[in-house]
C-alpha atoms as a PDB file:
ATOM      1  CA  MET A   1      -9.324-162.004 -25.400  1.00  0.00           C
ATOM      2  CA  ILE A   2      -6.834-163.370 -22.998  1.00  0.00           C
ATOM      3  CA  ILE A   3      -7.690-161.597 -20.143  1.00  0.00           C
ATOM      4  CA  ARG A   4     -11.693-163.301 -20.703  1.00  0.00           C
ATOM      5  CA  GLU A   5     -10.004-166.702 -21.043  1.00  0.00           C
ATOM      6  CA  SER A   6      -7.868-166.364 -17.847  1.00  0.00           C
ATOM      7  CA  THR A   7     -10.865-165.142 -15.846  1.00  0.00           C
ATOM      8  CA  HIS A   8     -12.868-167.777 -17.508  1.00  0.00           C
ATOM      9  CA  ARG A   9     -10.572-170.666 -16.019  1.00  0.00           C
ATOM     10  CA  LEU A  10     -10.620-168.922 -12.976  1.00  0.00           C
ATOM     11  CA  GLN A  11     -13.974-168.753 -12.402  1.00  0.00           C
ATOM     12  CA  ASN A  12     -13.982-172.540 -13.136  1.00  0.00           C
ATOM     13  CA  ALA A  13     -11.321-173.115 -10.800  1.00  0.00           C
ATOM     14  CA  MET A  14     -13.661-171.885  -8.150  1.00  0.00           C
ATOM     15  CA  MET A  15     -16.624-173.277  -9.100  1.00  0.00           C
ATOM     16  CA  GLN A  16     -14.705-176.583  -9.083  1.00  0.00           C
ATOM     17  CA  ALA A  17     -13.165-175.888  -5.306  1.00  0.00           C
ATOM     18  CA  MET A  18     -16.224-174.282  -4.181  1.00  0.00           C
ATOM     19  CA  GLY A  19     -18.830-177.492  -4.717  1.00  0.00           C
ATOM     20  CA  GLY A  20     -18.378-178.887  -7.820  1.00  0.00           C
ATOM     21  CA  GLU A  21     -19.652-178.678 -11.360  1.00  0.00           C
ATOM     22  CA  GLN A  22     -22.826-180.962 -10.208  1.00  0.00           C
ATOM     23  CA  PHE A  23     -23.720-178.613  -7.360  1.00  0.00           C
ATOM     24  CA  TRP A  24     -23.046-175.251  -9.630  1.00  0.00           C
ATOM     25  CA  GLU A  25     -25.394-177.356 -12.374  1.00  0.00           C
ATOM     26  CA  SER A  26     -28.069-178.489 -10.181  1.00  0.00           C
ATOM     27  CA  LYS A  27     -27.817-174.479  -8.639  1.00  0.00           C
ATOM     28  CA  LYS A  28     -28.564-172.994 -12.087  1.00  0.00           C
ATOM     29  CA  LEU A  29     -31.441-175.549 -12.564  1.00  0.00           C
ATOM     30  CA  GLU A  30     -33.100-174.515  -9.541  1.00  0.00           C
ATOM     31  CA  LEU A  31     -32.904-170.790 -10.225  1.00  0.00           C
ATOM     32  CA  SER A  32     -34.012-171.369 -13.748  1.00  0.00           C
ATOM     33  CA  MET A  33     -36.869-173.503 -12.123  1.00  0.00           C
ATOM     34  CA  GLN A  34     -37.804-170.482  -9.658  1.00  0.00           C
ATOM     35  CA  LYS A  35     -37.775-167.730 -12.881  1.00  0.00           C
ATOM     36  CA  GLU A  36     -40.347-169.904 -14.779  1.00  0.00           C
ATOM     37  CA  ASP A  37     -42.359-170.572 -11.211  1.00  0.00           C
ATOM     38  CA  GLU A  38     -42.418-166.766 -11.012  1.00  0.00           C
ATOM     39  CA  ARG A  39     -43.043-166.120 -14.441  1.00  0.00           C
ATOM     40  CA  LYS A  40     -46.164-168.241 -14.666  1.00  0.00           C
ATOM     41  CA  ARG A  41     -47.441-166.681 -11.338  1.00  0.00           C
ATOM     42  CA  GLU A  42     -47.079-163.067 -12.762  1.00  0.00           C
ATOM     43  CA  ALA A  43     -49.251-164.687 -15.895  1.00  0.00           C
ATOM     44  CA  ASN A  44     -51.603-166.207 -13.508  1.00  0.00           C
ATOM     45  CA  ARG A  45     -52.178-162.837 -11.360  1.00  0.00           C
ATOM     46  CA  GLU A  46     -52.347-160.625 -14.611  1.00  0.00           C
ATOM     47  CA  ALA A  47     -55.090-163.314 -16.149  1.00  0.00           C
ATOM     48  CA  ARG A  48     -56.899-163.460 -12.980  1.00  0.00           C
ATOM     49  CA  GLU A  49     -57.133-159.404 -12.501  1.00  0.00           C
ATOM     50  CA  LYS A  50     -58.483-159.277 -16.362  1.00  0.00           C
ATOM     51  CA  ALA A  51     -60.714-162.010 -15.703  1.00  0.00           C
ATOM     52  CA  GLU A  52     -62.010-159.977 -12.508  1.00  0.00           C
ATOM     53  CA  ALA A  53     -62.142-156.371 -14.355  1.00  0.00           C
ATOM     54  CA  TYR A  54     -64.414-157.734 -16.896  1.00  0.00           C
ATOM     55  CA  LYS A  55     -66.837-159.601 -14.424  1.00  0.00           C
ATOM     56  CA  TYR A  56     -67.016-156.382 -12.426  1.00  0.00           C
ATOM     57  CA  ARG A  57     -68.038-154.580 -15.580  1.00  0.00           C
ATOM     58  CA  GLU A  58     -70.448-157.396 -16.682  1.00  0.00           C
ATOM     59  CA  ASP A  59     -72.042-157.201 -12.830  1.00  0.00           C
ATOM     60  CA  GLN A  60     -72.346-153.570 -13.471  1.00  0.00           C
ATOM     61  CA  VAL A  61     -74.194-153.784 -16.733  1.00  0.00           C
ATOM     62  CA  ARG A  62     -76.371-156.374 -15.590  1.00  0.00           C
ATOM     63  CA  ARG A  63     -77.186-154.301 -12.293  1.00  0.00           C
ATOM     64  CA  HIS A  64     -77.660-151.349 -14.527  1.00  0.00           C
ATOM     65  CA  MET A  65     -80.199-152.885 -17.437  1.00  0.00           C
ATOM     66  CA  GLY A  66     -81.671-155.317 -15.157  1.00  0.00           C
ATOM     67  CA  SER A  67     -81.256-158.942 -15.654  1.00  0.00           C
ATOM     68  CA  ILE A  68     -83.963-159.572 -18.020  1.00  0.00           C
ATOM     69  CA  LYS A  69     -83.165-156.497 -20.548  1.00  0.00           C
ATOM     70  CA  TYR A  70     -79.343-157.884 -19.763  1.00  0.00           C
ATOM     71  CA  TYR A  71     -80.391-161.411 -21.148  1.00  0.00           C
ATOM     72  CA  LEU A  72     -83.332-160.570 -23.621  1.00  0.00           C
ATOM     73  CA  MET A  73     -81.704-157.484 -25.496  1.00  0.00           C
ATOM     74  CA  PRO A  74     -77.797-158.333 -25.588  1.00  0.00           C
ATOM     75  CA  LYS A  75     -77.688-155.944 -28.721  1.00  0.00           C
ATOM     76  CA  ASN A  76     -78.256-152.923 -26.339  1.00  0.00           C
ATOM     77  CA  ARG A  77     -75.089-153.487 -23.875  1.00  0.00           C
ATOM     78  CA  ALA A  78     -73.096-151.739 -26.063  1.00  0.00           C
ATOM     79  CA  LYS A  79     -73.989-148.945 -25.010  1.00  0.00           C
ATOM     80  CA  TYR A  80     -73.765-149.202 -21.478  1.00  0.00           C
ATOM     81  CA  TYR A  81     -70.091-150.851 -22.281  1.00  0.00           C
ATOM     82  CA  GLU A  82     -69.601-147.064 -22.901  1.00  0.00           C
ATOM     83  CA  VAL A  83     -71.204-146.524 -19.494  1.00  0.00           C
ATOM     84  CA  TYR A  84     -68.959-148.741 -17.657  1.00  0.00           C
ATOM     85  CA  PRO A  85     -65.876-148.808 -19.461  1.00  0.00           C
ATOM     86  CA  LEU A  86     -63.210-151.415 -18.618  1.00  0.00           C
ATOM     87  CA  PRO A  87     -59.861-149.985 -16.799  1.00  0.00           C
ATOM     88  CA  LYS A  88     -57.434-148.206 -19.562  1.00  0.00           C
ATOM     89  CA  LYS A  89     -55.177-151.194 -19.526  1.00  0.00           C
ATOM     90  CA  TYR A  90     -57.574-153.848 -20.763  1.00  0.00           C
ATOM     91  CA  ARG A  91     -59.001-151.360 -23.243  1.00  0.00           C
ATOM     92  CA  VAL A  92     -55.571-150.843 -25.015  1.00  0.00           C
ATOM     93  CA  MET A  93     -54.775-154.726 -24.936  1.00  0.00           C
ATOM     94  CA  GLU A  94     -58.171-155.322 -26.487  1.00  0.00           C
ATOM     95  CA  GLU A  95     -57.397-152.522 -29.220  1.00  0.00           C
ATOM     96  CA  GLN A  96     -53.898-153.992 -29.564  1.00  0.00           C
ATOM     97  CA  GLU A  97     -55.745-157.448 -30.076  1.00  0.00           C
ATOM     98  CA  ARG A  98     -58.462-156.130 -32.481  1.00  0.00           C
ATOM     99  CA  ALA A  99     -55.489-154.428 -34.711  1.00  0.00           C
ATOM    100  CA  ARG A 100     -53.411-157.813 -34.432  1.00  0.00           C
ATOM    101  CA  ALA A 101     -56.687-159.682 -35.842  1.00  0.00           C
ATOM    102  CA  LYS A 102     -57.304-157.330 -38.610  1.00  0.00           C
ATOM    103  CA  ARG A 103     -53.982-157.361 -40.018  1.00  0.00           C
ATOM    104  CA  GLU A 104     -53.958-161.093 -39.714  1.00  0.00           C
ATOM    105  CA  LYS A 105     -57.179-160.817 -41.577  1.00  0.00           C
ATOM    106  CA  GLN A 106     -55.008-158.629 -44.280  1.00  0.00           C
ATOM    107  CA  LEU A 107     -52.488-160.614 -44.694  1.00  0.00           C
ATOM    108  CA  ALA A 108     -54.768-163.532 -45.288  1.00  0.00           C
ATOM    109  CA  GLU A 109     -56.632-162.180 -47.819  1.00  0.00           C
ATOM    110  CA  MET A 110     -53.457-160.860 -49.670  1.00  0.00           C
ATOM    111  CA  ARG A 111     -52.125-164.204 -49.775  1.00  0.00           C
ATOM    112  CA  LYS A 112     -55.305-165.762 -50.814  1.00  0.00           C
ATOM    113  CA  LYS A 113     -55.116-163.118 -53.524  1.00  0.00           C
ATOM    114  CA  LYS A 114     -51.742-163.807 -54.671  1.00  0.00           C
ATOM    115  CA  ALA A 115     -52.683-167.595 -54.845  1.00  0.00           C
ATOM    116  CA  ALA A 116     -55.689-166.836 -56.991  1.00  0.00           C
ATOM    117  CA  GLN A 117     -53.238-165.349 -59.424  1.00  0.00           C
END
């Protein structure tokens, strides 16, 4: 405990000597903003990649079915989705989303039953 307090005091003294408290607060803010920007860029990149994968698959299905069948018989697309699957990464994500939605639906039904009793 004593060591931690003394190192903390030493660190604070060094911070005061090497730029002052305001400098280090602005540095912390700058670094946190950089991290947030990086997270946003990564999220945007992931979303863009996902959209491109879905668009590529839809283009493949449309080419295979032909435009008329594609638009006039949307129920037939399911069998072509099996022929042209999404990359595994997105299939897993879809399965997780479906499972989560199913769980939420079951929980809502259970709450509804409890409220009715």
